[in-house]
Amino acid sequence: MHMKLAKSTGLIAAFLLSASVSATAAPLASHVGDSYQIILTKESEQKGSLGSSNSHDRDTIVERVVGLRADGIELEYDFPPSIKPEERVSNWQFPIRIFKPFAGETQLSDKSELETRIDNWLKTAKLTRAACGHWIFTWNAFRIECDPQSAIKMIEAFELPTANIRDGAPYQEAGAQGSGTLARKASGPDGTTFTITLPVDPDAVRRTRAESDVVVGEVMHKPVAIDAALSKRANETISGTVSITFETDSTGNVRRRTKITKLDIKNADGQSERETVTETLERRVIAHGK
């Protein structure tokens, strides 16, 4: 797919997009017609022995509450109206409807429609099902997704926690070592801010970098086995921190999460690399339903 949020531009892209909260999510008070704009912004700065680089990405989707059931909520996700026609045509995943039960896994509500869109997308791109799952390069490296369930994984990157964000609450982050507790940083009439800082998990970073090597090898038609990539990355010395800040509104719902990942990497040849990635996920109200 061509959508920016699925691309692999940095060595730790996948590492940065994987997050988890050590709490079971609870549904927000919702009404049919509620609409939200969700914005994911990522800025990356790399400096090292071989030079420096910067990148900036911003992706926006719209979430609408389209149905309420006794056991869960029905949601629709789509691009904002301002999206360019060519971007909509090149992505079969949107719009998507899902059912999110209060207990259990998220379910696709329009799987058959997505299947049809996949077939049409492949036909337009002059690709067959044999291309599914492979990485190619056009204006950027991207993976050809043909599984409707992959649309759910895309949505998960835009989800903010809805429970247990409070002072002293336990918290875990994928890609970080261990767990910690959230601490209240500031509080006022508009909401409260909570923070936590954890050390990065070097093995998680090495695996992400190795997986990136495999992707690059496929794109460049120079295959790299994951075991060989892991063996090469095993000699890297990696340290750093992951700092997360949650901002809640006056009702206690999370409206913004900011994650700053700082990595210091040194390979066996003595070359060093420092990377700082700031990822911000913000949820804005568009309209309230009834």
Protein backbone atom coordinates (compact mmCIF):
# COMPACT_ATOMS: atom_id res chain seq x y z
CA MET A 1 0.00 0.00 0.00
CA HIS A 2 1.06 3.58 -0.52
CA MET A 3 -0.20 5.25 2.61
CA LYS A 4 2.53 7.02 4.55
CA LEU A 5 1.66 5.47 7.88
CA ALA A 6 2.60 2.01 6.56
CA LYS A 7 5.97 2.98 5.19
CA SER A 8 9.37 2.05 6.56
CA THR A 9 11.57 5.13 6.39
CA GLY A 10 13.72 4.66 9.48
CA LEU A 11 15.57 1.84 11.13
CA ILE A 12 13.28 1.91 14.15
CA ALA A 13 9.95 2.69 12.47
CA ALA A 14 8.26 -0.50 13.58
CA PHE A 15 9.72 -0.15 17.07
CA LEU A 16 8.23 3.31 17.41
CA LEU A 17 4.76 2.34 16.26
CA SER A 18 4.36 -0.49 18.74
CA ALA A 19 2.99 0.60 22.10
CA SER A 20 1.00 -1.02 24.84
CA VAL A 21 -0.60 -0.01 28.10
CA SER A 22 -0.71 -2.37 31.04
CA ALA A 23 -4.42 -1.70 31.46
CA THR A 24 -7.54 -3.11 29.91
CA ALA A 25 -9.15 -0.46 27.73
CA ALA A 26 -12.63 0.67 28.70
CA PRO A 27 -15.01 2.39 26.28
CA LEU A 28 -15.46 6.14 26.38
CA ALA A 29 -18.96 7.53 26.78
CA SER A 30 -20.05 7.67 23.13
CA HIS A 31 -23.03 8.70 21.04
CA VAL A 32 -23.88 7.91 17.43
CA GLY A 33 -22.54 10.78 15.36
CA ASP A 34 -19.52 11.53 17.53
CA SER A 35 -16.60 12.39 15.23
CA TYR A 36 -12.92 12.81 15.96
CA GLN A 37 -9.88 13.84 13.98
CA ILE A 38 -6.85 11.75 14.96
CA ILE A 39 -3.43 13.05 14.00
CA LEU A 40 -0.20 11.06 14.15
CA THR A 41 2.98 13.09 13.72
CA LYS A 42 6.51 11.71 13.73
CA GLU A 43 9.74 13.67 13.57
CA SER A 44 13.11 11.95 13.37
CA GLU A 45 16.62 13.31 13.68
CA GLN A 46 19.68 11.16 13.07
CA LYS A 47 23.31 12.13 13.62
CA GLY A 48 26.29 9.86 13.29
CA SER A 49 29.71 9.08 11.89
CA LEU A 50 28.28 8.83 8.38
CA GLY A 51 26.31 12.09 8.43
CA SER A 52 22.92 13.34 9.57
CA SER A 53 19.33 13.31 8.36
CA ASN A 54 15.88 14.52 9.37
CA SER A 55 12.35 13.44 8.48
CA HIS A 56 8.82 14.57 9.22
CA ASP A 57 5.62 12.59 8.71
CA ARG A 58 2.01 13.48 9.47
CA ASP A 59 -1.02 11.22 8.97
CA THR A 60 -4.63 12.06 9.75
CA ILE A 61 -7.77 9.94 9.89
CA VAL A 62 -11.34 10.59 11.00
CA GLU A 63 -13.19 8.34 13.44
CA ARG A 64 -17.01 8.30 13.57
CA VAL A 65 -19.32 6.47 15.92
CA VAL A 66 -21.89 4.79 13.65
CA GLY A 67 -23.60 2.40 16.05
CA LEU A 68 -23.95 1.40 19.68
CA ARG A 69 -24.69 -2.13 20.86
CA ALA A 70 -25.08 -3.70 24.26
CA ASP A 71 -21.75 -5.50 23.83
CA GLY A 72 -19.72 -2.84 22.02
CA ILE A 73 -19.44 0.06 19.62
CA GLU A 74 -19.40 0.32 15.82
CA LEU A 75 -16.88 2.73 14.34
CA GLU A 76 -16.00 3.99 10.89
CA TYR A 77 -12.55 5.27 9.95
CA ASP A 78 -11.81 7.30 6.86
CA PHE A 79 -9.51 9.93 5.45
CA PRO A 80 -10.32 13.59 6.11
CA PRO A 81 -12.20 15.40 3.30
CA SER A 82 -9.02 17.29 2.38
CA ILE A 83 -7.18 14.18 1.17
CA LYS A 84 -6.00 14.24 -2.44
CA PRO A 85 -7.95 11.98 -4.83
CA GLU A 86 -4.82 10.05 -5.84
CA GLU A 87 -4.11 9.19 -2.19
CA ARG A 88 -7.61 7.79 -1.74
CA VAL A 89 -7.41 5.74 -4.93
CA SER A 90 -4.05 4.24 -3.93
CA ASN A 91 -5.32 2.96 -0.57
CA TRP A 92 -7.91 0.19 -0.39
CA GLN A 93 -8.07 0.17 3.43
CA PHE A 94 -10.26 3.26 3.82
CA PRO A 95 -13.03 3.74 4.61
CA ILE A 96 -13.24 0.86 7.06
CA ARG A 97 -15.97 -0.15 9.51
CA ILE A 98 -15.18 -2.15 12.62
CA PHE A 99 -16.97 -3.47 15.67
CA LYS A 100 -15.10 -2.95 18.91
CA PRO A 101 -16.57 -5.15 21.68
CA PHE A 102 -16.22 -4.09 25.28
CA ALA A 103 -14.49 -7.43 25.81
CA GLY A 104 -12.63 -9.30 23.07
CA GLU A 105 -10.89 -8.53 19.81
CA THR A 106 -11.80 -5.89 17.24
CA GLN A 107 -13.77 -7.26 14.29
CA LEU A 108 -14.12 -6.11 10.68
CA SER A 109 -17.68 -5.19 9.73
CA ASP A 110 -17.04 -4.83 5.99
CA LYS A 111 -14.58 -7.63 5.19
CA SER A 112 -16.24 -8.59 1.89
CA GLU A 113 -16.13 -4.98 0.70
CA LEU A 114 -12.45 -4.76 1.56
CA GLU A 115 -11.76 -7.99 -0.33
CA THR A 116 -13.36 -6.46 -3.43
CA ARG A 117 -11.30 -3.31 -3.02
CA ILE A 118 -8.10 -5.35 -2.71
CA ASP A 119 -8.84 -7.13 -6.00
CA ASN A 120 -9.58 -3.83 -7.74
CA TRP A 121 -6.45 -2.23 -6.29
CA LEU A 122 -4.23 -5.10 -7.46
CA LYS A 123 -5.80 -4.98 -10.92
CA THR A 124 -5.24 -1.23 -11.21
CA ALA A 125 -1.65 -1.62 -10.05
CA LYS A 126 -1.17 -4.50 -12.51
CA LEU A 127 -0.20 -6.85 -9.71
CA THR A 128 -1.26 -10.39 -8.85
CA ARG A 129 -1.76 -12.06 -5.48
CA ALA A 130 1.80 -13.36 -5.80
CA ALA A 131 2.98 -9.85 -4.92
CA CYS A 132 1.15 -9.86 -1.58
CA GLY A 133 3.43 -9.58 1.43
CA HIS A 134 6.42 -8.34 -0.54
CA TRP A 135 8.20 -5.02 -0.28
CA ILE A 136 8.77 -2.77 -3.28
CA PHE A 137 10.07 0.75 -3.82
CA THR A 138 8.40 3.56 -5.72
CA TRP A 139 8.58 6.96 -4.06
CA ASN A 140 9.18 5.06 -0.86
CA ALA A 141 9.52 1.50 0.42
CA PHE A 142 6.13 -0.06 1.14
CA ARG A 143 4.73 -3.50 1.79
CA ILE A 144 1.99 -4.81 -0.49
CA GLU A 145 -0.83 -5.69 1.90
CA CYS A 146 -3.67 -7.92 0.72
CA ASP A 147 -5.10 -9.06 4.05
CA PRO A 148 -8.23 -7.18 5.19
CA GLN A 149 -7.13 -7.71 8.80
CA SER A 150 -4.12 -5.48 8.16
CA ALA A 151 -6.51 -2.52 8.12
CA ILE A 152 -7.23 -3.15 11.80
CA LYS A 153 -3.50 -3.03 12.59
CA MET A 154 -3.29 0.33 10.84
CA ILE A 155 -6.10 1.65 13.03
CA GLU A 156 -4.36 0.42 16.17
CA ALA A 157 -1.51 2.88 15.52
CA PHE A 158 -4.06 5.68 16.05
CA GLU A 159 -5.52 4.41 19.32
CA LEU A 160 -5.00 6.22 22.60
CA PRO A 161 -5.44 4.40 25.92
CA THR A 162 -8.83 4.89 27.54
CA ALA A 163 -8.23 3.49 31.02
CA ASN A 164 -5.85 3.53 33.97
CA ILE A 165 -4.00 6.72 33.08
CA ARG A 166 -3.53 8.10 36.57
CA ASP A 167 -0.85 8.93 39.10
CA GLY A 168 0.86 5.74 40.24
CA ALA A 169 -0.71 3.48 37.59
CA PRO A 170 1.50 0.67 36.23
CA TYR A 171 2.66 1.13 32.65
CA GLN A 172 4.57 -0.88 30.05
CA GLU A 173 5.79 0.15 26.60
CA ALA A 174 6.68 -2.23 23.80
CA GLY A 175 10.37 -1.85 23.02
CA ALA A 176 11.22 -0.69 26.55
CA GLN A 177 12.65 -2.73 29.39
CA GLY A 178 10.48 -3.63 32.34
CA SER A 179 7.63 -1.49 33.60
CA GLY A 180 7.16 1.60 35.71
CA THR A 181 4.50 3.85 37.18
CA LEU A 182 2.96 6.98 35.75
CA ALA A 183 3.63 10.22 37.63
CA ARG A 184 1.45 13.32 37.61
CA LYS A 185 3.44 16.24 36.20
CA ALA A 186 0.86 19.00 36.10
CA SER A 187 -2.84 19.49 36.79
CA GLY A 188 -5.37 22.20 36.03
CA PRO A 189 -8.97 22.93 35.04
CA ASP A 190 -8.33 21.73 31.48
CA GLY A 191 -6.83 18.40 32.47
CA THR A 192 -3.82 16.57 33.87
CA THR A 193 -0.44 15.54 32.48
CA PHE A 194 1.26 12.25 33.35
CA THR A 195 4.78 11.12 32.44
CA ILE A 196 7.08 8.11 32.57
CA THR A 197 10.58 7.31 31.29
CA LEU A 198 11.86 3.77 30.70
CA PRO A 199 15.13 2.37 29.32
CA VAL A 200 14.98 0.98 25.79
CA ASP A 201 15.24 -2.76 25.23
CA PRO A 202 18.45 -3.20 23.16
CA ASP A 203 17.31 -6.57 21.81
CA ALA A 204 14.05 -5.07 20.55
CA VAL A 205 15.96 -2.31 18.75
CA ARG A 206 18.40 -4.81 17.23
CA ARG A 207 15.54 -6.94 15.92
CA THR A 208 13.81 -3.92 14.39
CA ARG A 209 17.06 -2.85 12.71
CA ALA A 210 17.62 -6.39 11.45
CA GLU A 211 14.08 -6.54 10.03
CA SER A 212 14.78 -3.24 8.27
CA ASP A 213 17.91 -4.82 6.75
CA VAL A 214 15.77 -7.65 5.38
CA VAL A 215 13.35 -5.15 3.83
CA VAL A 216 16.16 -3.15 2.25
CA GLY A 217 17.64 -6.36 0.88
CA GLU A 218 14.33 -7.32 -0.73
CA VAL A 219 13.82 -3.87 -2.25
CA MET A 220 17.38 -3.82 -3.61
CA HIS A 221 17.06 -7.40 -4.90
CA LYS A 222 19.88 -8.47 -2.60
CA PRO A 223 18.12 -10.86 -0.19
CA VAL A 224 19.23 -10.87 3.44
CA ALA A 225 18.19 -13.67 5.80
CA ILE A 226 16.80 -12.53 9.14
CA ASP A 227 19.29 -14.72 11.03
CA ALA A 228 22.21 -13.13 9.19
CA ALA A 229 20.82 -9.65 9.87
CA LEU A 230 20.37 -10.44 13.56
CA SER A 231 23.90 -11.81 13.76
CA LYS A 232 25.27 -8.59 12.27
CA ARG A 233 23.25 -6.37 14.59
CA ALA A 234 24.21 -8.44 17.65
CA ASN A 235 27.56 -6.61 17.77
CA GLU A 236 25.92 -3.22 18.24
CA THR A 237 25.99 -1.51 21.61
CA ILE A 238 22.61 0.14 22.17
CA SER A 239 21.32 2.37 24.95
CA GLY A 240 18.63 5.00 25.30
CA THR A 241 15.30 5.94 26.81
CA VAL A 242 11.63 6.06 25.93
CA SER A 243 9.74 8.97 27.53
CA ILE A 244 5.95 9.11 27.31
CA THR A 245 3.68 12.00 28.24
CA PHE A 246 -0.11 11.70 28.43
CA GLU A 247 -2.35 14.76 28.45
CA THR A 248 -5.93 14.23 29.62
CA ASP A 249 -8.93 16.53 29.30
CA SER A 250 -11.12 17.75 32.15
CA THR A 251 -13.07 14.46 32.13
CA GLY A 252 -9.96 12.31 32.35
CA ASN A 253 -9.89 11.10 28.74
CA VAL A 254 -6.50 11.06 27.01
CA ARG A 255 -6.37 13.67 24.25
CA ARG A 256 -2.66 13.61 23.42
CA ARG A 257 0.27 11.24 23.81
CA THR A 258 3.84 12.30 23.13
CA LYS A 259 6.59 9.70 22.94
CA ILE A 260 10.25 10.63 22.66
CA THR A 261 12.70 7.83 21.89
CA LYS A 262 16.41 8.52 22.18
CA LEU A 263 18.90 5.94 20.94
CA ASP A 264 22.69 5.80 21.09
CA ILE A 265 24.13 3.08 18.86
CA LYS A 266 27.73 2.02 18.33
CA ASN A 267 28.77 -0.80 16.02
CA ALA A 268 31.81 -3.09 16.16
CA ASP A 269 33.76 -0.79 13.79
CA GLY A 270 33.42 2.14 16.20
CA GLN A 271 30.89 4.04 14.10
CA SER A 272 28.31 5.81 16.24
CA GLU A 273 24.76 6.90 15.61
CA ARG A 274 22.35 8.96 17.67
CA GLU A 275 18.67 9.09 16.84
CA THR A 276 15.82 11.02 18.41
CA VAL A 277 12.26 10.35 17.33
CA THR A 278 9.29 12.32 18.61
CA GLU A 279 5.89 10.78 17.97
CA THR A 280 2.72 12.70 18.84
CA LEU A 281 -0.77 11.23 18.70
CA GLU A 282 -3.61 13.71 19.17
CA ARG A 283 -7.38 13.25 19.22
CA ARG A 284 -9.57 16.27 18.44
CA VAL A 285 -13.35 16.50 18.62
CA ILE A 286 -15.04 17.35 15.31
CA ALA A 287 -18.67 16.91 16.30
CA HIS A 288 -20.79 15.52 19.11
CA GLY A 289 -23.64 13.15 18.34
CA LYS A 290 -26.86 12.61 20.20
